[in-house]
N, C-alpha and C. Protein backbone atom coordinates (compact mmCIF):
# COMPACT_ATOMS: atom_id res chain seq x y z
N MET A 1 -119.27 25.99 143.50
CA MET A 1 -118.78 24.77 142.87
C MET A 1 -117.48 24.34 143.53
N LYS A 2 -116.61 25.30 143.75
CA LYS A 2 -115.32 25.01 144.35
C LYS A 2 -115.52 24.48 145.77
N PHE A 3 -116.47 25.02 146.49
CA PHE A 3 -116.78 24.59 147.86
C PHE A 3 -117.31 23.15 147.87
N ALA A 4 -118.19 22.82 146.91
CA ALA A 4 -118.76 21.48 146.81
C ALA A 4 -117.67 20.47 146.52
N HIS A 5 -116.72 20.82 145.67
CA HIS A 5 -115.64 19.91 145.32
C HIS A 5 -114.77 19.62 146.54
N LYS A 6 -114.45 20.64 147.32
CA LYS A 6 -113.65 20.46 148.53
C LYS A 6 -114.37 19.61 149.56
N SER A 7 -115.69 19.80 149.64
CA SER A 7 -116.49 19.01 150.59
C SER A 7 -116.46 17.54 150.21
N ALA A 8 -116.59 17.27 148.91
CA ALA A 8 -116.58 15.89 148.44
C ALA A 8 -115.25 15.22 148.75
N VAL A 9 -114.16 15.94 148.53
CA VAL A 9 -112.83 15.39 148.83
C VAL A 9 -112.68 15.14 150.32
N SER A 10 -113.17 16.04 151.14
CA SER A 10 -113.08 15.88 152.59
C SER A 10 -113.88 14.68 153.07
N VAL A 11 -115.09 14.51 152.51
CA VAL A 11 -115.93 13.37 152.88
C VAL A 11 -115.26 12.06 152.46
N PHE A 12 -114.71 12.04 151.24
CA PHE A 12 -114.01 10.84 150.76
C PHE A 12 -112.82 10.49 151.65
N SER A 13 -112.04 11.51 152.02
CA SER A 13 -110.88 11.31 152.89
C SER A 13 -111.30 10.77 154.25
N LEU A 14 -112.40 11.30 154.79
CA LEU A 14 -112.90 10.84 156.08
C LEU A 14 -113.35 9.38 156.00
N LEU A 15 -114.06 9.02 154.92
CA LEU A 15 -114.52 7.64 154.75
C LEU A 15 -113.34 6.68 154.59
N LEU A 16 -112.32 7.12 153.85
CA LEU A 16 -111.13 6.30 153.66
C LEU A 16 -110.42 6.07 154.99
N LEU A 17 -110.30 7.10 155.79
CA LEU A 17 -109.66 6.99 157.10
C LEU A 17 -110.45 6.06 158.01
N CYS A 18 -111.78 6.17 157.99
CA CYS A 18 -112.63 5.29 158.81
C CYS A 18 -112.49 3.83 158.37
N SER A 19 -112.41 3.60 157.05
CA SER A 19 -112.31 2.23 156.56
C SER A 19 -111.00 1.57 157.01
N LEU A 20 -109.94 2.35 157.13
CA LEU A 20 -108.66 1.81 157.58
C LEU A 20 -108.72 1.36 159.03
N THR A 21 -109.53 2.00 159.83
CA THR A 21 -109.64 1.61 161.25
C THR A 21 -110.45 0.33 161.42
N LEU A 22 -111.22 -0.05 160.38
CA LEU A 22 -112.05 -1.25 160.47
C LEU A 22 -111.35 -2.50 159.96
N VAL A 23 -110.14 -2.37 159.43
CA VAL A 23 -109.42 -3.53 158.91
C VAL A 23 -109.00 -4.42 160.08
N PRO A 24 -109.37 -5.71 160.05
CA PRO A 24 -109.02 -6.60 161.17
C PRO A 24 -107.52 -6.88 161.19
N ALA A 25 -107.03 -7.26 162.35
CA ALA A 25 -105.61 -7.60 162.48
C ALA A 25 -105.31 -8.90 161.74
N ALA A 26 -104.14 -8.98 161.13
CA ALA A 26 -103.71 -10.18 160.42
C ALA A 26 -102.79 -10.99 161.33
N HIS A 27 -103.06 -12.30 161.43
CA HIS A 27 -102.25 -13.18 162.26
C HIS A 27 -101.64 -14.27 161.40
N ALA A 28 -100.39 -14.61 161.64
CA ALA A 28 -99.71 -15.61 160.82
C ALA A 28 -100.33 -16.99 161.01
N THR A 29 -100.52 -17.42 162.23
CA THR A 29 -101.10 -18.73 162.51
C THR A 29 -101.58 -18.76 163.96
N ASN A 30 -102.57 -19.58 164.22
CA ASN A 30 -102.98 -19.76 165.62
C ASN A 30 -102.41 -21.07 166.17
N GLY A 31 -101.49 -21.66 165.45
CA GLY A 31 -100.87 -22.91 165.89
C GLY A 31 -101.58 -24.14 165.35
N MET A 32 -102.90 -24.11 165.29
CA MET A 32 -103.65 -25.26 164.81
C MET A 32 -104.02 -25.15 163.34
N ASN A 33 -104.01 -23.97 162.79
CA ASN A 33 -104.22 -23.77 161.36
C ASN A 33 -103.13 -22.84 160.86
N MET A 34 -102.36 -23.32 159.88
CA MET A 34 -101.28 -22.52 159.34
C MET A 34 -101.85 -21.40 158.47
N GLU A 35 -101.00 -20.39 158.21
CA GLU A 35 -101.44 -19.28 157.37
C GLU A 35 -101.62 -19.69 155.92
N GLY A 36 -101.03 -20.81 155.53
CA GLY A 36 -101.19 -21.32 154.17
C GLY A 36 -100.67 -22.75 154.10
N TYR A 37 -101.12 -23.51 153.10
CA TYR A 37 -100.65 -24.87 152.90
C TYR A 37 -100.10 -24.98 151.49
N GLY A 38 -98.86 -25.45 151.40
CA GLY A 38 -98.16 -25.52 150.13
C GLY A 38 -97.41 -24.22 149.87
N PRO A 39 -96.27 -24.29 149.16
CA PRO A 39 -95.45 -23.09 148.96
C PRO A 39 -96.13 -22.01 148.14
N ILE A 40 -96.98 -22.39 147.18
CA ILE A 40 -97.62 -21.39 146.31
C ILE A 40 -98.62 -20.57 147.11
N ALA A 41 -99.53 -21.26 147.81
CA ALA A 41 -100.55 -20.55 148.59
C ALA A 41 -99.93 -19.78 149.74
N THR A 42 -98.92 -20.37 150.40
CA THR A 42 -98.28 -19.68 151.52
C THR A 42 -97.59 -18.41 151.05
N GLY A 43 -96.97 -18.48 149.87
CA GLY A 43 -96.32 -17.30 149.30
C GLY A 43 -97.29 -16.20 148.91
N MET A 44 -98.59 -16.55 148.82
CA MET A 44 -99.63 -15.57 148.48
C MET A 44 -100.49 -15.25 149.71
N GLY A 45 -99.92 -15.47 150.90
CA GLY A 45 -100.63 -15.13 152.12
C GLY A 45 -101.80 -16.04 152.44
N GLY A 46 -101.82 -17.25 151.85
CA GLY A 46 -102.89 -18.20 152.12
C GLY A 46 -103.96 -18.26 151.06
N ALA A 47 -103.91 -17.35 150.05
CA ALA A 47 -104.91 -17.36 148.96
C ALA A 47 -104.78 -18.66 148.16
N SER A 48 -105.88 -19.40 148.02
CA SER A 48 -105.75 -20.73 147.40
C SER A 48 -107.05 -21.27 146.80
N MET A 49 -108.06 -20.48 146.63
CA MET A 49 -109.39 -21.00 146.30
C MET A 49 -109.65 -21.23 144.81
N ALA A 50 -108.98 -20.51 143.91
CA ALA A 50 -109.42 -20.56 142.51
C ALA A 50 -108.28 -20.63 141.50
N TYR A 51 -107.17 -21.27 141.86
CA TYR A 51 -106.08 -21.45 140.90
C TYR A 51 -105.34 -22.74 141.24
N ASP A 52 -104.53 -23.23 140.30
CA ASP A 52 -103.79 -24.46 140.51
C ASP A 52 -102.68 -24.22 141.53
N ASN A 53 -102.81 -24.80 142.71
CA ASN A 53 -101.77 -24.67 143.73
C ASN A 53 -101.21 -26.03 144.13
N GLY A 54 -101.16 -26.93 143.12
CA GLY A 54 -100.55 -28.23 143.33
C GLY A 54 -101.39 -29.14 144.21
N THR A 55 -100.74 -30.15 144.78
CA THR A 55 -101.48 -31.11 145.61
C THR A 55 -101.85 -30.53 146.97
N ALA A 56 -101.35 -29.33 147.29
CA ALA A 56 -101.81 -28.65 148.51
C ALA A 56 -103.29 -28.30 148.40
N ALA A 57 -103.85 -28.42 147.19
CA ALA A 57 -105.29 -28.22 147.00
C ALA A 57 -106.10 -29.15 147.89
N MET A 58 -105.54 -30.27 148.26
CA MET A 58 -106.25 -31.20 149.15
C MET A 58 -106.60 -30.53 150.47
N MET A 59 -105.71 -29.67 150.95
CA MET A 59 -105.95 -28.93 152.18
C MET A 59 -106.73 -27.65 151.93
N ASN A 60 -106.51 -27.05 150.76
CA ASN A 60 -107.06 -25.72 150.48
C ASN A 60 -108.44 -25.77 149.83
N ASN A 61 -108.51 -26.37 148.65
CA ASN A 61 -109.77 -26.49 147.91
C ASN A 61 -109.61 -27.62 146.90
N PRO A 62 -110.11 -28.83 147.19
CA PRO A 62 -109.88 -29.98 146.30
C PRO A 62 -110.38 -29.79 144.89
N ALA A 63 -111.33 -28.90 144.66
CA ALA A 63 -111.83 -28.68 143.30
C ALA A 63 -110.74 -28.15 142.37
N THR A 64 -109.74 -27.45 142.94
CA THR A 64 -108.68 -26.89 142.08
C THR A 64 -107.72 -27.96 141.58
N LEU A 65 -107.84 -29.21 142.05
CA LEU A 65 -107.04 -30.29 141.48
C LEU A 65 -107.36 -30.48 140.00
N SER A 66 -108.59 -30.15 139.60
CA SER A 66 -108.98 -30.26 138.20
C SER A 66 -108.23 -29.28 137.30
N LEU A 67 -107.63 -28.25 137.89
CA LEU A 67 -106.86 -27.27 137.12
C LEU A 67 -105.43 -27.74 136.84
N MET A 68 -105.06 -28.86 137.42
CA MET A 68 -103.71 -29.40 137.24
C MET A 68 -103.47 -29.71 135.77
N GLU A 69 -102.35 -29.27 135.22
CA GLU A 69 -102.06 -29.45 133.79
C GLU A 69 -101.46 -30.81 133.47
N SER A 70 -100.66 -31.37 134.38
CA SER A 70 -100.04 -32.67 134.13
C SER A 70 -101.01 -33.80 134.44
N LYS A 71 -100.68 -34.99 133.94
CA LYS A 71 -101.54 -36.16 134.18
C LYS A 71 -101.36 -36.70 135.60
N ALA A 72 -100.19 -36.49 136.18
CA ALA A 72 -99.93 -36.94 137.54
C ALA A 72 -98.94 -35.97 138.19
N ARG A 73 -99.04 -35.87 139.52
CA ARG A 73 -98.16 -34.94 140.24
C ARG A 73 -97.88 -35.47 141.63
N LEU A 74 -96.61 -35.36 142.04
CA LEU A 74 -96.18 -35.76 143.37
C LEU A 74 -95.45 -34.58 144.00
N ASP A 75 -95.87 -34.19 145.20
CA ASP A 75 -95.25 -33.08 145.92
C ASP A 75 -94.83 -33.53 147.30
N LEU A 76 -93.65 -33.10 147.71
CA LEU A 76 -93.15 -33.32 149.06
C LEU A 76 -92.75 -31.97 149.64
N ALA A 77 -93.04 -31.75 150.90
CA ALA A 77 -92.70 -30.46 151.52
C ALA A 77 -92.36 -30.65 152.99
N ILE A 78 -91.49 -29.80 153.49
CA ILE A 78 -91.19 -29.77 154.92
C ILE A 78 -91.22 -28.31 155.35
N GLY A 79 -92.17 -27.99 156.19
CA GLY A 79 -92.24 -26.66 156.78
C GLY A 79 -91.88 -26.75 158.25
N PHE A 80 -91.82 -25.63 158.91
CA PHE A 80 -91.53 -25.66 160.34
C PHE A 80 -92.05 -24.40 161.01
N LEU A 81 -92.28 -24.51 162.29
CA LEU A 81 -92.61 -23.38 163.14
C LEU A 81 -91.44 -23.16 164.09
N GLY A 82 -91.05 -21.91 164.28
CA GLY A 82 -89.95 -21.59 165.18
C GLY A 82 -90.37 -20.57 166.21
N PRO A 83 -91.20 -20.96 167.19
CA PRO A 83 -91.69 -19.98 168.18
C PRO A 83 -90.58 -19.50 169.12
N ASP A 84 -90.70 -18.27 169.54
CA ASP A 84 -89.78 -17.68 170.52
C ASP A 84 -90.63 -17.27 171.72
N VAL A 85 -90.68 -18.12 172.73
CA VAL A 85 -91.60 -17.94 173.86
C VAL A 85 -90.83 -17.73 175.16
N THR A 86 -91.21 -16.72 175.91
CA THR A 86 -90.64 -16.46 177.23
C THR A 86 -91.77 -16.21 178.22
N SER A 87 -91.71 -16.89 179.36
CA SER A 87 -92.72 -16.70 180.42
C SER A 87 -92.10 -15.89 181.55
N SER A 88 -92.94 -15.07 182.18
CA SER A 88 -92.43 -14.25 183.28
C SER A 88 -93.38 -14.28 184.46
N MET A 89 -92.82 -14.03 185.64
CA MET A 89 -93.60 -13.96 186.87
C MET A 89 -92.91 -12.94 187.77
N THR A 90 -93.71 -12.11 188.39
CA THR A 90 -93.16 -11.05 189.25
C THR A 90 -92.24 -11.64 190.32
N GLY A 91 -91.03 -11.08 190.39
CA GLY A 91 -90.08 -11.51 191.41
C GLY A 91 -89.28 -12.74 191.04
N MET A 92 -89.49 -13.27 189.83
CA MET A 92 -88.78 -14.47 189.39
C MET A 92 -88.03 -14.17 188.08
N PRO A 93 -86.90 -14.86 187.86
CA PRO A 93 -86.22 -14.71 186.56
C PRO A 93 -87.11 -15.24 185.44
N ASP A 94 -87.06 -14.59 184.29
CA ASP A 94 -87.84 -15.05 183.14
C ASP A 94 -87.42 -16.47 182.75
N ALA A 95 -88.39 -17.23 182.25
CA ALA A 95 -88.13 -18.59 181.78
C ALA A 95 -88.30 -18.62 180.27
N LYS A 96 -87.24 -18.96 179.54
CA LYS A 96 -87.28 -19.02 178.08
C LYS A 96 -87.47 -20.46 177.63
N SER A 97 -88.42 -20.67 176.73
CA SER A 97 -88.69 -22.01 176.22
C SER A 97 -87.59 -22.44 175.25
N SER A 98 -87.14 -23.69 175.41
CA SER A 98 -86.16 -24.25 174.46
C SER A 98 -86.86 -24.94 173.29
N GLY A 99 -88.19 -24.99 173.32
CA GLY A 99 -88.95 -25.56 172.21
C GLY A 99 -89.08 -24.52 171.10
N ASP A 100 -88.14 -24.54 170.16
CA ASP A 100 -88.13 -23.50 169.12
C ASP A 100 -88.08 -24.05 167.71
N LEU A 101 -88.33 -25.36 167.54
CA LEU A 101 -88.35 -25.93 166.19
C LEU A 101 -89.35 -27.08 166.14
N TYR A 102 -90.40 -26.91 165.36
CA TYR A 102 -91.44 -27.93 165.19
C TYR A 102 -91.63 -28.18 163.70
N MET A 103 -91.26 -29.39 163.25
CA MET A 103 -91.29 -29.73 161.83
C MET A 103 -92.71 -30.04 161.37
N MET A 104 -93.02 -29.64 160.12
CA MET A 104 -94.36 -29.81 159.57
C MET A 104 -94.26 -30.45 158.18
N PRO A 105 -94.13 -31.79 158.08
CA PRO A 105 -93.99 -32.44 156.78
C PRO A 105 -95.32 -32.55 156.03
N ALA A 106 -95.23 -32.71 154.72
CA ALA A 106 -96.43 -32.89 153.90
C ALA A 106 -96.09 -33.72 152.67
N PHE A 107 -97.06 -34.51 152.22
CA PHE A 107 -96.91 -35.36 151.03
C PHE A 107 -98.22 -35.33 150.28
N GLY A 108 -98.16 -35.21 148.96
CA GLY A 108 -99.38 -35.24 148.17
C GLY A 108 -99.16 -35.86 146.80
N TYR A 109 -100.10 -36.70 146.38
CA TYR A 109 -100.05 -37.31 145.04
C TYR A 109 -101.43 -37.16 144.41
N ALA A 110 -101.46 -36.75 143.16
CA ALA A 110 -102.74 -36.61 142.43
C ALA A 110 -102.57 -37.12 141.01
N ARG A 111 -103.65 -37.67 140.46
CA ARG A 111 -103.61 -38.24 139.10
C ARG A 111 -104.92 -37.92 138.39
N LYS A 112 -104.81 -37.62 137.10
CA LYS A 112 -105.99 -37.34 136.28
C LYS A 112 -106.40 -38.58 135.51
N GLY A 113 -107.73 -38.79 135.44
CA GLY A 113 -108.28 -39.89 134.65
C GLY A 113 -109.60 -39.44 134.06
N GLY A 114 -109.58 -39.00 132.82
CA GLY A 114 -110.79 -38.46 132.21
C GLY A 114 -111.17 -37.15 132.85
N GLN A 115 -112.42 -37.05 133.29
CA GLN A 115 -112.90 -35.83 133.94
C GLN A 115 -112.64 -35.83 135.45
N PHE A 116 -112.10 -36.92 135.95
CA PHE A 116 -111.83 -37.03 137.38
C PHE A 116 -110.35 -36.80 137.69
N THR A 117 -110.09 -36.21 138.85
CA THR A 117 -108.75 -36.13 139.42
C THR A 117 -108.85 -36.63 140.85
N TYR A 118 -107.97 -37.53 141.22
CA TYR A 118 -108.04 -38.14 142.54
C TYR A 118 -106.62 -38.29 143.10
N GLY A 119 -106.50 -38.60 144.36
CA GLY A 119 -105.17 -38.72 144.92
C GLY A 119 -105.16 -39.11 146.39
N LEU A 120 -104.02 -38.83 147.03
CA LEU A 120 -103.82 -39.14 148.44
C LEU A 120 -102.83 -38.13 149.00
N GLY A 121 -103.10 -37.67 150.20
CA GLY A 121 -102.19 -36.72 150.83
C GLY A 121 -102.09 -36.93 152.33
N VAL A 122 -100.94 -36.61 152.88
CA VAL A 122 -100.72 -36.61 154.33
C VAL A 122 -100.12 -35.25 154.67
N PHE A 123 -100.82 -34.48 155.49
CA PHE A 123 -100.40 -33.11 155.78
C PHE A 123 -100.38 -32.85 157.28
N ALA A 124 -99.34 -32.18 157.74
CA ALA A 124 -99.32 -31.64 159.10
C ALA A 124 -100.16 -30.36 159.06
N GLN A 125 -101.23 -30.34 159.82
CA GLN A 125 -102.12 -29.17 159.80
C GLN A 125 -101.65 -28.08 160.75
N GLY A 126 -101.09 -28.46 161.89
CA GLY A 126 -100.65 -27.45 162.85
C GLY A 126 -100.10 -28.09 164.11
N GLY A 127 -99.65 -27.25 165.00
CA GLY A 127 -99.11 -27.72 166.26
C GLY A 127 -97.98 -26.82 166.74
N MET A 128 -97.66 -26.97 168.00
CA MET A 128 -96.60 -26.18 168.60
C MET A 128 -96.40 -26.63 170.04
N GLY A 129 -95.47 -26.03 170.74
CA GLY A 129 -95.28 -26.41 172.13
C GLY A 129 -94.25 -25.53 172.82
N THR A 130 -93.93 -25.90 174.05
CA THR A 130 -92.91 -25.20 174.84
C THR A 130 -92.17 -26.23 175.68
N GLU A 131 -90.96 -25.89 176.10
CA GLU A 131 -90.22 -26.73 177.03
C GLU A 131 -89.33 -25.83 177.89
N TYR A 132 -89.53 -25.93 179.20
CA TYR A 132 -88.80 -25.08 180.15
C TYR A 132 -87.88 -25.92 181.03
N ASP A 133 -86.75 -25.33 181.40
CA ASP A 133 -85.76 -26.02 182.23
C ASP A 133 -86.32 -26.41 183.60
N ALA A 134 -85.70 -27.41 184.19
CA ALA A 134 -86.12 -27.90 185.50
C ALA A 134 -85.87 -26.88 186.61
N ASN A 135 -84.98 -25.91 186.36
CA ASN A 135 -84.71 -24.90 187.39
C ASN A 135 -85.49 -23.61 187.18
N SER A 136 -86.44 -23.60 186.23
CA SER A 136 -87.27 -22.42 186.01
C SER A 136 -88.37 -22.34 187.05
N PHE A 137 -88.97 -21.16 187.21
CA PHE A 137 -90.04 -21.00 188.20
C PHE A 137 -91.25 -21.86 187.87
N LEU A 138 -91.41 -22.24 186.59
CA LEU A 138 -92.55 -23.06 186.20
C LEU A 138 -92.44 -24.49 186.74
N ALA A 139 -91.23 -24.92 187.08
CA ALA A 139 -91.05 -26.27 187.63
C ALA A 139 -91.46 -26.36 189.09
N VAL A 140 -91.69 -25.21 189.75
CA VAL A 140 -92.16 -25.14 191.13
C VAL A 140 -91.32 -26.02 192.06
N GLY A 141 -90.01 -26.03 191.84
CA GLY A 141 -89.12 -26.79 192.72
C GLY A 141 -89.17 -28.29 192.55
N SER A 142 -89.81 -28.78 191.50
CA SER A 142 -89.95 -30.23 191.29
C SER A 142 -88.66 -30.87 190.78
N GLY A 143 -87.78 -30.06 190.19
CA GLY A 143 -86.55 -30.60 189.61
C GLY A 143 -86.78 -31.31 188.29
N GLU A 144 -87.97 -31.11 187.69
CA GLU A 144 -88.32 -31.74 186.41
C GLU A 144 -88.58 -30.68 185.35
N LYS A 145 -88.29 -31.03 184.10
CA LYS A 145 -88.61 -30.12 183.00
C LYS A 145 -90.12 -29.98 182.87
N VAL A 146 -90.56 -28.84 182.40
CA VAL A 146 -91.98 -28.57 182.16
C VAL A 146 -92.16 -28.39 180.66
N ARG A 147 -93.10 -29.13 180.07
CA ARG A 147 -93.25 -29.06 178.61
C ARG A 147 -94.70 -29.24 178.19
N SER A 148 -94.98 -28.77 176.99
CA SER A 148 -96.29 -29.00 176.36
C SER A 148 -96.07 -29.12 174.86
N GLU A 149 -96.84 -29.98 174.23
CA GLU A 149 -96.73 -30.13 172.78
C GLU A 149 -98.07 -30.59 172.22
N VAL A 150 -98.55 -29.90 171.22
CA VAL A 150 -99.80 -30.25 170.55
C VAL A 150 -99.50 -30.42 169.06
N SER A 151 -100.03 -31.47 168.46
CA SER A 151 -99.85 -31.68 167.02
C SER A 151 -101.17 -32.12 166.40
N MET A 152 -101.32 -31.79 165.12
CA MET A 152 -102.54 -32.13 164.40
C MET A 152 -102.19 -32.42 162.95
N GLY A 153 -102.70 -33.51 162.41
CA GLY A 153 -102.42 -33.88 161.03
C GLY A 153 -103.63 -34.47 160.35
N ARG A 154 -103.52 -34.62 159.02
CA ARG A 154 -104.65 -35.14 158.25
C ARG A 154 -104.17 -36.07 157.14
N VAL A 155 -104.87 -37.18 156.96
CA VAL A 155 -104.72 -38.03 155.79
C VAL A 155 -105.95 -37.75 154.92
N ILE A 156 -105.72 -37.38 153.66
CA ILE A 156 -106.81 -36.89 152.81
C ILE A 156 -106.89 -37.70 151.52
N ILE A 157 -108.10 -38.10 151.17
CA ILE A 157 -108.36 -38.73 149.86
C ILE A 157 -109.30 -37.80 149.10
N PRO A 158 -108.77 -37.02 148.15
CA PRO A 158 -109.59 -36.04 147.43
C PRO A 158 -110.06 -36.57 146.06
N VAL A 159 -111.18 -36.03 145.62
CA VAL A 159 -111.68 -36.30 144.26
C VAL A 159 -112.24 -34.99 143.72
N SER A 160 -111.87 -34.66 142.49
CA SER A 160 -112.47 -33.49 141.83
C SER A 160 -113.01 -33.93 140.47
N TYR A 161 -113.99 -33.20 139.98
CA TYR A 161 -114.66 -33.56 138.72
C TYR A 161 -114.84 -32.34 137.84
N ASP A 162 -114.46 -32.46 136.57
CA ASP A 162 -114.64 -31.40 135.57
C ASP A 162 -116.07 -31.45 135.05
N VAL A 163 -116.93 -30.57 135.52
CA VAL A 163 -118.29 -30.51 134.99
C VAL A 163 -118.24 -29.91 133.58
N ASN A 164 -117.53 -28.80 133.43
CA ASN A 164 -117.25 -28.20 132.12
C ASN A 164 -116.01 -27.32 132.26
N ASP A 165 -115.71 -26.52 131.24
CA ASP A 165 -114.49 -25.70 131.26
C ASP A 165 -114.47 -24.68 132.39
N LYS A 166 -115.63 -24.27 132.88
CA LYS A 166 -115.69 -23.21 133.88
C LYS A 166 -116.15 -23.68 135.25
N TRP A 167 -116.54 -24.93 135.36
CA TRP A 167 -117.11 -25.40 136.62
C TRP A 167 -116.45 -26.70 137.04
N LYS A 168 -115.77 -26.66 138.18
CA LYS A 168 -115.13 -27.84 138.76
C LYS A 168 -115.70 -28.04 140.17
N VAL A 169 -115.92 -29.28 140.53
CA VAL A 169 -116.40 -29.58 141.88
C VAL A 169 -115.44 -30.56 142.53
N GLY A 170 -115.33 -30.50 143.83
CA GLY A 170 -114.41 -31.38 144.53
C GLY A 170 -114.91 -31.74 145.91
N ALA A 171 -114.41 -32.84 146.43
CA ALA A 171 -114.74 -33.29 147.78
C ALA A 171 -113.56 -34.11 148.29
N SER A 172 -113.51 -34.33 149.59
CA SER A 172 -112.44 -35.14 150.15
C SER A 172 -112.92 -35.90 151.37
N LEU A 173 -112.30 -37.05 151.58
CA LEU A 173 -112.51 -37.84 152.78
C LEU A 173 -111.28 -37.62 153.66
N ASP A 174 -111.49 -37.10 154.86
CA ASP A 174 -110.39 -36.72 155.74
C ASP A 174 -110.35 -37.59 156.99
N PHE A 175 -109.16 -38.05 157.33
CA PHE A 175 -108.91 -38.67 158.62
C PHE A 175 -108.03 -37.71 159.39
N VAL A 176 -108.52 -37.20 160.52
CA VAL A 176 -107.81 -36.19 161.29
C VAL A 176 -107.35 -36.79 162.62
N TRP A 177 -106.08 -36.56 162.96
CA TRP A 177 -105.60 -37.00 164.26
C TRP A 177 -104.96 -35.83 165.02
N GLU A 178 -105.07 -35.91 166.32
CA GLU A 178 -104.49 -34.88 167.18
C GLU A 178 -103.82 -35.56 168.36
N SER A 179 -102.79 -34.93 168.88
CA SER A 179 -102.15 -35.45 170.09
C SER A 179 -101.73 -34.28 170.97
N MET A 180 -101.68 -34.55 172.26
CA MET A 180 -101.25 -33.54 173.23
C MET A 180 -100.37 -34.22 174.28
N ASP A 181 -99.23 -33.60 174.55
CA ASP A 181 -98.30 -34.11 175.53
C ASP A 181 -98.03 -33.00 176.54
N LEU A 182 -98.39 -33.22 177.79
CA LEU A 182 -98.21 -32.21 178.83
C LEU A 182 -97.41 -32.78 179.99
N LYS A 183 -96.48 -31.99 180.47
CA LYS A 183 -95.76 -32.33 181.68
C LYS A 183 -95.66 -31.06 182.50
N MET A 184 -96.49 -30.97 183.55
CA MET A 184 -96.62 -29.74 184.31
C MET A 184 -96.37 -29.99 185.80
N ALA A 185 -95.87 -28.97 186.46
CA ALA A 185 -95.71 -29.01 187.92
C ALA A 185 -96.85 -28.23 188.53
N LEU A 186 -97.68 -28.91 189.32
CA LEU A 186 -98.87 -28.28 189.91
C LEU A 186 -98.89 -28.48 191.42
N SER A 187 -99.42 -27.48 192.09
CA SER A 187 -99.69 -27.65 193.51
C SER A 187 -100.94 -28.52 193.66
N GLN A 188 -101.17 -29.03 194.86
CA GLN A 188 -102.36 -29.86 195.09
C GLN A 188 -103.63 -29.08 194.78
N GLN A 189 -103.67 -27.81 195.17
CA GLN A 189 -104.86 -27.00 194.94
C GLN A 189 -105.09 -26.78 193.43
N GLN A 190 -104.00 -26.52 192.70
CA GLN A 190 -104.13 -26.34 191.25
C GLN A 190 -104.65 -27.61 190.59
N PHE A 191 -104.16 -28.76 191.06
CA PHE A 191 -104.61 -30.03 190.50
C PHE A 191 -106.10 -30.24 190.77
N PHE A 192 -106.53 -29.96 192.01
CA PHE A 192 -107.95 -30.10 192.34
C PHE A 192 -108.81 -29.16 191.48
N ASN A 193 -108.32 -27.92 191.27
CA ASN A 193 -109.07 -26.96 190.45
C ASN A 193 -109.22 -27.45 189.01
N MET A 194 -108.15 -28.04 188.46
CA MET A 194 -108.22 -28.55 187.09
C MET A 194 -109.16 -29.74 187.00
N ALA A 195 -109.21 -30.54 188.07
CA ALA A 195 -110.07 -31.73 188.08
C ALA A 195 -111.53 -31.41 188.39
N GLY A 196 -111.81 -30.13 188.66
CA GLY A 196 -113.20 -29.75 188.93
C GLY A 196 -113.57 -29.82 190.39
N HIS A 197 -112.59 -29.85 191.29
CA HIS A 197 -112.85 -29.90 192.73
C HIS A 197 -112.55 -28.55 193.37
N GLU A 198 -113.37 -28.17 194.30
CA GLU A 198 -113.10 -26.95 195.06
C GLU A 198 -113.73 -27.11 196.44
N SER A 199 -112.93 -26.94 197.46
CA SER A 199 -113.38 -27.07 198.86
C SER A 199 -114.03 -28.43 199.11
N GLY A 200 -113.45 -29.48 198.49
CA GLY A 200 -113.94 -30.84 198.72
C GLY A 200 -115.21 -31.18 197.95
N LYS A 201 -115.71 -30.27 197.10
CA LYS A 201 -116.94 -30.53 196.35
C LYS A 201 -116.65 -30.65 194.86
N VAL A 202 -117.34 -31.54 194.20
CA VAL A 202 -117.20 -31.68 192.76
C VAL A 202 -118.10 -30.65 192.09
N GLN A 203 -117.54 -29.88 191.17
CA GLN A 203 -118.34 -28.85 190.49
C GLN A 203 -119.02 -29.44 189.27
């Protein structure tokens, strides 16, 4: 009996150890999707599917707008990304990006009318960039700054409906915009490669 008990504990410990190795890595953001939208959901690591998280529900789960207790709600928020990026190349001094502050504003308004909750929101969904000095190795002697910037935002019109006390449904109409700004120093060969040319032939 004592042997069987020890075996069971050993098997359990082995399974627990194996399960820890299968846990995927957690990432804060990939730049285009933030780890959370709104202060409540962000403070909970992005969890936002089944509780009142304010007008950020437009980004998270519009059905949770029905859980709003007030008749109307207006939220304003300003978030930011502060990347710390350094590029390196063998034999060259490291190049540190001066692009270290990217603002992420958000606005949301929602109103209840009977079993319906509706509203309007404008949210920065993601984005980031870099900017390197004109004397960095990335400028390739051009004497010009090298930079990149990507931004993505959404204008959202959400509607949620109280089917009953336990069932809420929601939907939204989204207008999504994206922009990209690039200023790069390229050799002629690099430019041809990016354009799909190699050895005078179009690929």
